Amino acid sequence: MRWSIDVINSHDAASLRQAYAPDIRVRFPMRTVRSADELVAWWASVFTAVPDLTMTIEGMAEQGEGRSGEVFLRWRLTGHHTGGDWEGIAPSGARLDLDGMDHVVVEDGHVAGNFVVFDQMQFARQIGLLPADGSRLDVGLKTAFNALARRRARR
């Protein structure tokens, strides 16, 4: 995992293929990737979207023996969304500072699966897709939503 983070920080998507099983399955918050080719392409698009992306390991725990096991990784991702689209979202120029976790399954020395978790509200607020928490727009949206929810509940 430390090697993978080093390669991610060098923005070398093609080299990541060495760590992945051909039929790897990765569940991101926004979609599921189902092959090494698809995952390498996903990383390439992220490196384009966030050209100064850096991931830092904040904590790690592992279990297993030999070339198989599980790794729980807590990470921090920083950078600026100044390159290409990220999951269909045009570059905002915003600074990103996200916390997340991975549950990685290793089989026969290759990453066979990964479940990735990060706060999508935090991401959306940082890039400007959602208003800042507590802002006038945020309060207005919550007020309108709550009025609609109460109206639906009375039906």
N, C-alpha and C. Protein backbone atom coordinates (compact mmCIF):
# COMPACT_ATOMS: atom_id res chain seq x y z
N MET A 1 0.82 -1.19 0.00
CA MET A 1 0.00 0.00 0.00
C MET A 1 0.86 1.25 0.00
N ARG A 2 1.94 1.21 0.74
CA ARG A 2 2.83 2.39 0.75
C ARG A 2 3.40 2.65 -0.65
N TRP A 3 3.76 1.58 -1.36
CA TRP A 3 4.25 1.71 -2.73
C TRP A 3 3.17 2.34 -3.60
N SER A 4 1.92 1.87 -3.47
CA SER A 4 0.82 2.40 -4.28
C SER A 4 0.62 3.89 -4.04
N ILE A 5 0.69 4.31 -2.79
CA ILE A 5 0.54 5.74 -2.48
C ILE A 5 1.69 6.54 -3.08
N ASP A 6 2.90 6.00 -3.02
CA ASP A 6 4.04 6.68 -3.65
C ASP A 6 3.82 6.83 -5.15
N VAL A 7 3.30 5.78 -5.81
CA VAL A 7 3.05 5.84 -7.25
C VAL A 7 1.92 6.81 -7.56
N ILE A 8 0.89 6.82 -6.72
CA ILE A 8 -0.20 7.79 -6.89
C ILE A 8 0.38 9.20 -6.81
N ASN A 9 1.25 9.45 -5.85
CA ASN A 9 1.84 10.78 -5.69
C ASN A 9 2.78 11.16 -6.82
N SER A 10 3.26 10.16 -7.57
CA SER A 10 4.08 10.47 -8.76
C SER A 10 3.20 10.61 -10.01
N HIS A 11 1.91 10.37 -9.86
CA HIS A 11 0.92 10.51 -10.95
C HIS A 11 1.20 9.56 -12.11
N ASP A 12 1.67 8.37 -11.80
CA ASP A 12 1.99 7.37 -12.82
C ASP A 12 0.92 6.28 -12.84
N ALA A 13 -0.21 6.59 -13.47
CA ALA A 13 -1.35 5.67 -13.49
C ALA A 13 -0.97 4.31 -14.07
N ALA A 14 -0.18 4.29 -15.13
CA ALA A 14 0.17 3.03 -15.79
C ALA A 14 0.92 2.09 -14.85
N SER A 15 1.78 2.62 -14.01
CA SER A 15 2.54 1.77 -13.10
C SER A 15 1.67 1.12 -12.03
N LEU A 16 0.54 1.74 -11.72
CA LEU A 16 -0.36 1.17 -10.73
C LEU A 16 -0.88 -0.20 -11.14
N ARG A 17 -0.94 -0.45 -12.44
CA ARG A 17 -1.44 -1.73 -12.97
C ARG A 17 -0.70 -2.91 -12.34
N GLN A 18 0.56 -2.73 -12.01
CA GLN A 18 1.37 -3.81 -11.41
C GLN A 18 0.75 -4.34 -10.12
N ALA A 19 0.06 -3.47 -9.39
CA ALA A 19 -0.50 -3.85 -8.09
C ALA A 19 -1.89 -4.47 -8.20
N TYR A 20 -2.55 -4.33 -9.36
CA TYR A 20 -3.95 -4.71 -9.48
C TYR A 20 -4.14 -6.08 -10.11
N ALA A 21 -5.08 -6.85 -9.56
CA ALA A 21 -5.53 -8.07 -10.23
C ALA A 21 -6.30 -7.64 -11.48
N PRO A 22 -6.25 -8.42 -12.56
CA PRO A 22 -6.94 -8.02 -13.80
C PRO A 22 -8.44 -7.75 -13.60
N ASP A 23 -9.07 -8.52 -12.71
CA ASP A 23 -10.51 -8.37 -12.51
C ASP A 23 -10.83 -7.63 -11.20
N ILE A 24 -9.97 -6.71 -10.81
CA ILE A 24 -10.17 -5.93 -9.59
C ILE A 24 -11.55 -5.27 -9.61
N ARG A 25 -12.15 -5.16 -8.44
CA ARG A 25 -13.43 -4.45 -8.28
C ARG A 25 -13.24 -3.40 -7.20
N VAL A 26 -13.44 -2.13 -7.58
CA VAL A 26 -13.29 -1.03 -6.63
C VAL A 26 -14.60 -0.28 -6.56
N ARG A 27 -15.11 -0.13 -5.35
CA ARG A 27 -16.36 0.59 -5.12
C ARG A 27 -16.03 1.97 -4.59
N PHE A 28 -16.15 2.98 -5.48
CA PHE A 28 -16.00 4.38 -5.09
C PHE A 28 -17.37 4.91 -4.69
N PRO A 29 -17.46 6.03 -3.99
CA PRO A 29 -18.77 6.58 -3.63
C PRO A 29 -19.64 6.89 -4.85
N MET A 30 -19.02 7.23 -5.98
CA MET A 30 -19.80 7.66 -7.14
C MET A 30 -19.99 6.57 -8.20
N ARG A 31 -19.22 5.48 -8.14
CA ARG A 31 -19.38 4.39 -9.11
C ARG A 31 -18.46 3.23 -8.76
N THR A 32 -18.68 2.12 -9.46
CA THR A 32 -17.86 0.93 -9.27
C THR A 32 -17.02 0.69 -10.51
N VAL A 33 -15.73 0.39 -10.29
CA VAL A 33 -14.78 0.09 -11.36
C VAL A 33 -14.56 -1.42 -11.32
N ARG A 34 -14.54 -2.08 -12.50
CA ARG A 34 -14.52 -3.53 -12.53
C ARG A 34 -13.37 -4.16 -13.30
N SER A 35 -12.27 -3.48 -13.48
CA SER A 35 -11.10 -4.09 -14.12
C SER A 35 -9.88 -3.21 -13.88
N ALA A 36 -8.71 -3.81 -14.04
CA ALA A 36 -7.47 -3.04 -13.89
C ALA A 36 -7.40 -1.93 -14.93
N ASP A 37 -7.80 -2.23 -16.17
CA ASP A 37 -7.78 -1.21 -17.22
C ASP A 37 -8.66 -0.03 -16.86
N GLU A 38 -9.86 -0.32 -16.37
CA GLU A 38 -10.79 0.76 -16.00
C GLU A 38 -10.25 1.58 -14.83
N LEU A 39 -9.60 0.90 -13.87
CA LEU A 39 -9.06 1.61 -12.71
C LEU A 39 -7.87 2.49 -13.10
N VAL A 40 -7.00 2.00 -13.96
CA VAL A 40 -5.87 2.80 -14.43
C VAL A 40 -6.38 4.04 -15.16
N ALA A 41 -7.41 3.87 -15.99
CA ALA A 41 -8.01 5.01 -16.70
C ALA A 41 -8.64 6.00 -15.71
N TRP A 42 -9.26 5.47 -14.65
CA TRP A 42 -9.87 6.34 -13.64
C TRP A 42 -8.79 7.19 -12.98
N TRP A 43 -7.67 6.55 -12.57
CA TRP A 43 -6.59 7.31 -11.94
C TRP A 43 -6.03 8.36 -12.90
N ALA A 44 -5.87 8.01 -14.17
CA ALA A 44 -5.36 8.98 -15.15
C ALA A 44 -6.27 10.20 -15.22
N SER A 45 -7.58 9.97 -15.18
CA SER A 45 -8.52 11.10 -15.22
C SER A 45 -8.45 11.94 -13.95
N VAL A 46 -8.23 11.31 -12.81
CA VAL A 46 -8.09 12.06 -11.55
C VAL A 46 -6.82 12.90 -11.58
N PHE A 47 -5.73 12.34 -12.09
CA PHE A 47 -4.47 13.09 -12.18
C PHE A 47 -4.62 14.29 -13.12
N THR A 48 -5.44 14.15 -14.16
CA THR A 48 -5.71 15.27 -15.06
C THR A 48 -6.54 16.33 -14.35
N ALA A 49 -7.56 15.88 -13.62
CA ALA A 49 -8.46 16.81 -12.94
C ALA A 49 -7.78 17.56 -11.79
N VAL A 50 -6.88 16.88 -11.09
CA VAL A 50 -6.19 17.46 -9.93
C VAL A 50 -4.69 17.29 -10.15
N PRO A 51 -4.10 18.17 -10.97
CA PRO A 51 -2.70 17.98 -11.37
C PRO A 51 -1.69 18.01 -10.23
N ASP A 52 -2.05 18.60 -9.09
CA ASP A 52 -1.13 18.64 -7.95
C ASP A 52 -1.59 17.72 -6.82
N LEU A 53 -2.35 16.70 -7.15
CA LEU A 53 -2.89 15.76 -6.17
C LEU A 53 -1.78 15.12 -5.34
N THR A 54 -2.01 15.07 -4.04
CA THR A 54 -1.12 14.38 -3.11
C THR A 54 -1.97 13.59 -2.14
N MET A 55 -1.60 12.33 -1.91
CA MET A 55 -2.26 11.51 -0.90
C MET A 55 -1.26 11.23 0.22
N THR A 56 -1.75 11.32 1.44
CA THR A 56 -0.93 11.06 2.61
C THR A 56 -1.60 9.97 3.43
N ILE A 57 -0.82 9.00 3.86
CA ILE A 57 -1.34 7.96 4.75
C ILE A 57 -1.45 8.55 6.15
N GLU A 58 -2.66 8.52 6.70
CA GLU A 58 -2.91 9.01 8.05
C GLU A 58 -2.93 7.86 9.05
N GLY A 59 -3.24 6.65 8.59
CA GLY A 59 -3.27 5.48 9.46
C GLY A 59 -3.43 4.23 8.61
N MET A 60 -2.93 3.10 9.11
CA MET A 60 -3.05 1.87 8.34
C MET A 60 -3.05 0.70 9.31
N ALA A 61 -3.90 -0.29 9.01
CA ALA A 61 -3.93 -1.55 9.76
C ALA A 61 -4.05 -2.67 8.73
N GLU A 62 -3.39 -3.77 9.02
CA GLU A 62 -3.44 -4.88 8.07
C GLU A 62 -3.58 -6.19 8.82
N GLN A 63 -4.15 -7.17 8.12
CA GLN A 63 -4.24 -8.52 8.66
C GLN A 63 -4.10 -9.51 7.51
N GLY A 64 -3.62 -10.67 7.82
CA GLY A 64 -3.44 -11.70 6.81
C GLY A 64 -2.04 -12.26 6.88
N GLU A 65 -1.81 -13.23 6.01
CA GLU A 65 -0.52 -13.89 5.98
C GLU A 65 -0.04 -14.01 4.55
N GLY A 66 1.26 -13.97 4.37
CA GLY A 66 1.83 -14.15 3.04
C GLY A 66 1.38 -13.07 2.08
N ARG A 67 0.85 -13.51 0.95
CA ARG A 67 0.50 -12.60 -0.13
C ARG A 67 -1.00 -12.30 -0.19
N SER A 68 -1.73 -12.62 0.89
CA SER A 68 -3.16 -12.36 0.93
C SER A 68 -3.55 -11.76 2.27
N GLY A 69 -4.56 -10.93 2.25
CA GLY A 69 -5.03 -10.32 3.48
C GLY A 69 -5.87 -9.10 3.19
N GLU A 70 -6.00 -8.27 4.21
CA GLU A 70 -6.78 -7.04 4.10
C GLU A 70 -6.00 -5.88 4.70
N VAL A 71 -6.23 -4.71 4.14
CA VAL A 71 -5.59 -3.49 4.64
C VAL A 71 -6.68 -2.43 4.79
N PHE A 72 -6.68 -1.78 5.94
CA PHE A 72 -7.54 -0.62 6.16
C PHE A 72 -6.64 0.59 6.17
N LEU A 73 -6.94 1.53 5.30
CA LEU A 73 -6.08 2.69 5.10
C LEU A 73 -6.90 3.96 5.29
N ARG A 74 -6.44 4.84 6.17
CA ARG A 74 -7.05 6.17 6.31
C ARG A 74 -6.10 7.15 5.66
N TRP A 75 -6.64 8.00 4.77
CA TRP A 75 -5.79 8.86 3.97
C TRP A 75 -6.33 10.29 3.95
N ARG A 76 -5.48 11.17 3.44
CA ARG A 76 -5.84 12.56 3.19
C ARG A 76 -5.41 12.89 1.76
N LEU A 77 -6.31 13.47 1.00
CA LEU A 77 -6.03 13.88 -0.37
C LEU A 77 -6.10 15.39 -0.43
N THR A 78 -5.05 16.01 -0.99
CA THR A 78 -5.03 17.46 -1.18
C THR A 78 -4.66 17.77 -2.62
N GLY A 79 -5.02 18.95 -3.05
CA GLY A 79 -4.70 19.41 -4.40
C GLY A 79 -5.70 20.47 -4.83
N HIS A 80 -5.64 20.82 -6.10
CA HIS A 80 -6.53 21.84 -6.67
C HIS A 80 -7.21 21.28 -7.91
N HIS A 81 -8.51 21.47 -7.99
CA HIS A 81 -9.31 20.97 -9.11
C HIS A 81 -9.20 21.96 -10.28
N THR A 82 -8.04 21.94 -10.93
CA THR A 82 -7.76 22.93 -11.98
C THR A 82 -7.57 22.32 -13.36
N GLY A 83 -7.56 20.99 -13.47
CA GLY A 83 -7.29 20.33 -14.75
C GLY A 83 -8.58 20.03 -15.49
N GLY A 84 -8.82 18.75 -15.76
CA GLY A 84 -10.01 18.32 -16.49
C GLY A 84 -11.18 18.05 -15.57
N ASP A 85 -12.25 17.53 -16.17
CA ASP A 85 -13.43 17.15 -15.40
C ASP A 85 -13.09 16.02 -14.42
N TRP A 86 -13.77 16.02 -13.28
CA TRP A 86 -13.67 14.91 -12.32
C TRP A 86 -15.07 14.37 -12.14
N GLU A 87 -15.28 13.16 -12.65
CA GLU A 87 -16.60 12.51 -12.57
C GLU A 87 -17.69 13.43 -13.13
N GLY A 88 -17.38 14.08 -14.25
CA GLY A 88 -18.37 14.92 -14.92
C GLY A 88 -18.48 16.34 -14.39
N ILE A 89 -17.61 16.70 -13.44
CA ILE A 89 -17.66 18.04 -12.85
C ILE A 89 -16.50 18.85 -13.42
N ALA A 90 -16.83 19.95 -14.09
CA ALA A 90 -15.82 20.80 -14.71
C ALA A 90 -14.88 21.37 -13.66
N PRO A 91 -13.64 21.68 -14.05
CA PRO A 91 -12.67 22.23 -13.09
C PRO A 91 -13.19 23.49 -12.42
N SER A 92 -13.11 23.51 -11.12
CA SER A 92 -13.60 24.64 -10.35
C SER A 92 -12.48 25.56 -9.89
N GLY A 93 -11.24 25.07 -9.93
CA GLY A 93 -10.11 25.84 -9.40
C GLY A 93 -9.99 25.75 -7.89
N ALA A 94 -10.92 25.04 -7.27
CA ALA A 94 -10.97 24.98 -5.81
C ALA A 94 -9.87 24.10 -5.23
N ARG A 95 -9.48 24.44 -4.01
CA ARG A 95 -8.53 23.63 -3.26
C ARG A 95 -9.30 22.49 -2.61
N LEU A 96 -8.76 21.28 -2.72
CA LEU A 96 -9.35 20.09 -2.11
C LEU A 96 -8.53 19.68 -0.90
N ASP A 97 -9.22 19.27 0.13
CA ASP A 97 -8.59 18.71 1.32
C ASP A 97 -9.59 17.70 1.88
N LEU A 98 -9.48 16.45 1.42
CA LEU A 98 -10.44 15.41 1.73
C LEU A 98 -9.83 14.33 2.60
N ASP A 99 -10.63 13.80 3.49
CA ASP A 99 -10.25 12.64 4.29
C ASP A 99 -11.04 11.45 3.78
N GLY A 100 -10.41 10.28 3.78
CA GLY A 100 -11.11 9.09 3.33
C GLY A 100 -10.48 7.83 3.87
N MET A 101 -11.14 6.71 3.55
CA MET A 101 -10.67 5.41 3.99
C MET A 101 -10.85 4.39 2.88
N ASP A 102 -9.94 3.44 2.83
CA ASP A 102 -10.02 2.31 1.90
C ASP A 102 -10.00 1.02 2.70
N HIS A 103 -10.79 0.06 2.26
CA HIS A 103 -10.70 -1.32 2.75
C HIS A 103 -10.24 -2.14 1.56
N VAL A 104 -8.98 -2.53 1.57
CA VAL A 104 -8.33 -3.18 0.43
C VAL A 104 -8.23 -4.69 0.70
N VAL A 105 -8.60 -5.48 -0.30
CA VAL A 105 -8.47 -6.94 -0.23
C VAL A 105 -7.33 -7.34 -1.16
N VAL A 106 -6.34 -8.04 -0.61
CA VAL A 106 -5.19 -8.50 -1.37
C VAL A 106 -5.28 -10.02 -1.52
N GLU A 107 -5.16 -10.48 -2.76
CA GLU A 107 -5.15 -11.91 -3.04
C GLU A 107 -3.96 -12.22 -3.93
N ASP A 108 -3.16 -13.17 -3.51
CA ASP A 108 -1.99 -13.60 -4.27
C ASP A 108 -1.08 -12.43 -4.67
N GLY A 109 -0.91 -11.49 -3.75
CA GLY A 109 0.01 -10.39 -3.99
C GLY A 109 -0.53 -9.24 -4.82
N HIS A 110 -1.81 -9.28 -5.20
CA HIS A 110 -2.42 -8.21 -5.99
C HIS A 110 -3.68 -7.69 -5.31
N VAL A 111 -3.95 -6.42 -5.52
CA VAL A 111 -5.18 -5.84 -5.00
C VAL A 111 -6.34 -6.40 -5.81
N ALA A 112 -7.22 -7.13 -5.14
CA ALA A 112 -8.37 -7.76 -5.81
C ALA A 112 -9.64 -6.94 -5.64
N GLY A 113 -9.68 -6.14 -4.59
CA GLY A 113 -10.87 -5.34 -4.33
C GLY A 113 -10.56 -4.19 -3.40
N ASN A 114 -11.41 -3.19 -3.45
CA ASN A 114 -11.24 -2.02 -2.59
C ASN A 114 -12.59 -1.35 -2.43
N PHE A 115 -12.89 -0.97 -1.20
CA PHE A 115 -14.10 -0.19 -0.89
C PHE A 115 -13.62 1.15 -0.37
N VAL A 116 -13.90 2.21 -1.13
CA VAL A 116 -13.38 3.55 -0.84
C VAL A 116 -14.50 4.41 -0.26
N VAL A 117 -14.20 5.10 0.82
CA VAL A 117 -15.19 5.95 1.47
C VAL A 117 -14.57 7.33 1.68
N PHE A 118 -15.31 8.36 1.26
CA PHE A 118 -14.95 9.73 1.63
C PHE A 118 -16.21 10.56 1.66
N ASP A 119 -16.17 11.68 2.33
CA ASP A 119 -17.34 12.53 2.55
C ASP A 119 -17.64 13.32 1.27
N GLN A 120 -18.68 12.89 0.56
CA GLN A 120 -19.03 13.57 -0.68
C GLN A 120 -19.60 14.97 -0.45
N MET A 121 -20.23 15.20 0.69
CA MET A 121 -20.70 16.57 1.00
C MET A 121 -19.50 17.49 1.16
N GLN A 122 -18.47 17.01 1.85
CA GLN A 122 -17.25 17.79 2.02
C GLN A 122 -16.66 18.13 0.65
N PHE A 123 -16.57 17.13 -0.23
CA PHE A 123 -16.05 17.34 -1.58
C PHE A 123 -16.91 18.36 -2.33
N ALA A 124 -18.23 18.17 -2.31
CA ALA A 124 -19.13 19.05 -3.06
C ALA A 124 -19.07 20.50 -2.55
N ARG A 125 -18.94 20.67 -1.25
CA ARG A 125 -18.83 22.03 -0.70
C ARG A 125 -17.49 22.66 -1.09
N GLN A 126 -16.42 21.87 -1.07
CA GLN A 126 -15.10 22.42 -1.39
C GLN A 126 -15.01 22.89 -2.83
N ILE A 127 -15.63 22.17 -3.77
CA ILE A 127 -15.54 22.58 -5.17
C ILE A 127 -16.62 23.56 -5.58
N GLY A 128 -17.56 23.87 -4.67
CA GLY A 128 -18.61 24.84 -4.96
C GLY A 128 -19.86 24.23 -5.56
N LEU A 129 -19.95 22.92 -5.60
CA LEU A 129 -21.16 22.26 -6.11
C LEU A 129 -22.32 22.44 -5.13
N LEU A 130 -22.01 22.49 -3.85
CA LEU A 130 -22.98 22.79 -2.79
C LEU A 130 -22.52 24.06 -2.08
N PRO A 131 -23.46 24.81 -1.53
CA PRO A 131 -23.06 26.03 -0.81
C PRO A 131 -22.35 25.70 0.49
N ALA A 132 -21.58 26.64 0.97
CA ALA A 132 -20.88 26.47 2.24
C ALA A 132 -21.87 26.26 3.37
N ASP A 133 -21.52 25.37 4.29
CA ASP A 133 -22.38 25.07 5.43
C ASP A 133 -22.64 26.35 6.23
N GLY A 134 -23.90 26.62 6.50
CA GLY A 134 -24.27 27.80 7.28
C GLY A 134 -24.42 29.08 6.47
N SER A 135 -24.08 29.03 5.18
CA SER A 135 -24.22 30.23 4.34
C SER A 135 -25.70 30.55 4.13
N ARG A 136 -25.99 31.74 3.65
CA ARG A 136 -27.39 32.13 3.40
C ARG A 136 -28.04 31.16 2.42
N LEU A 137 -27.32 30.79 1.37
CA LEU A 137 -27.87 29.86 0.39
C LEU A 137 -28.12 28.48 1.02
N ASP A 138 -27.20 28.01 1.84
CA ASP A 138 -27.35 26.73 2.52
C ASP A 138 -28.59 26.75 3.43
N VAL A 139 -28.73 27.80 4.22
CA VAL A 139 -29.88 27.92 5.12
C VAL A 139 -31.18 27.96 4.31
N GLY A 140 -31.17 28.71 3.20
CA GLY A 140 -32.36 28.79 2.34
C GLY A 140 -32.73 27.45 1.74
N LEU A 141 -31.74 26.72 1.25
CA LEU A 141 -32.01 25.38 0.69
C LEU A 141 -32.57 24.43 1.74
N LYS A 142 -31.99 24.45 2.94
CA LYS A 142 -32.48 23.58 4.02
C LYS A 142 -33.89 23.97 4.44
N THR A 143 -34.18 25.26 4.49
CA THR A 143 -35.52 25.72 4.85
C THR A 143 -36.53 25.26 3.81
N ALA A 144 -36.21 25.43 2.54
CA ALA A 144 -37.12 24.99 1.47
C ALA A 144 -37.31 23.47 1.48
N PHE A 145 -36.23 22.75 1.68
CA PHE A 145 -36.31 21.29 1.73
C PHE A 145 -37.19 20.85 2.90
N ASN A 146 -36.96 21.43 4.08
CA ASN A 146 -37.74 21.06 5.26
C ASN A 146 -39.21 21.37 5.08
N ALA A 147 -39.55 22.48 4.45
CA ALA A 147 -40.95 22.81 4.19
C ALA A 147 -41.58 21.77 3.26
N LEU A 148 -40.86 21.37 2.24
CA LEU A 148 -41.35 20.35 1.32
C LEU A 148 -41.51 19.00 2.03
N ALA A 149 -40.54 18.64 2.86
CA ALA A 149 -40.61 17.37 3.60
C ALA A 149 -41.81 17.35 4.54
N ARG A 150 -42.06 18.45 5.24
CA ARG A 150 -43.22 18.53 6.14
C ARG A 150 -44.53 18.43 5.36
N ARG A 151 -44.56 19.05 4.21
CA ARG A 151 -45.77 19.00 3.37
C ARG A 151 -46.04 17.57 2.90
N ARG A 152 -44.98 16.87 2.48
CA ARG A 152 -45.13 15.48 2.05
C ARG A 152 -45.57 14.59 3.21
N ALA A 153 -45.07 14.87 4.42
CA ALA A 153 -45.38 14.04 5.59
C ALA A 153 -46.86 14.17 5.97
N ARG A 154 -47.49 15.30 5.65
CA ARG A 154 -48.92 15.52 6.00
C ARG A 154 -49.85 14.80 5.06
N ARG A 155 -49.36 14.33 3.95
CA ARG A 155 -50.24 13.67 2.98
C ARG A 155 -50.69 12.34 3.43
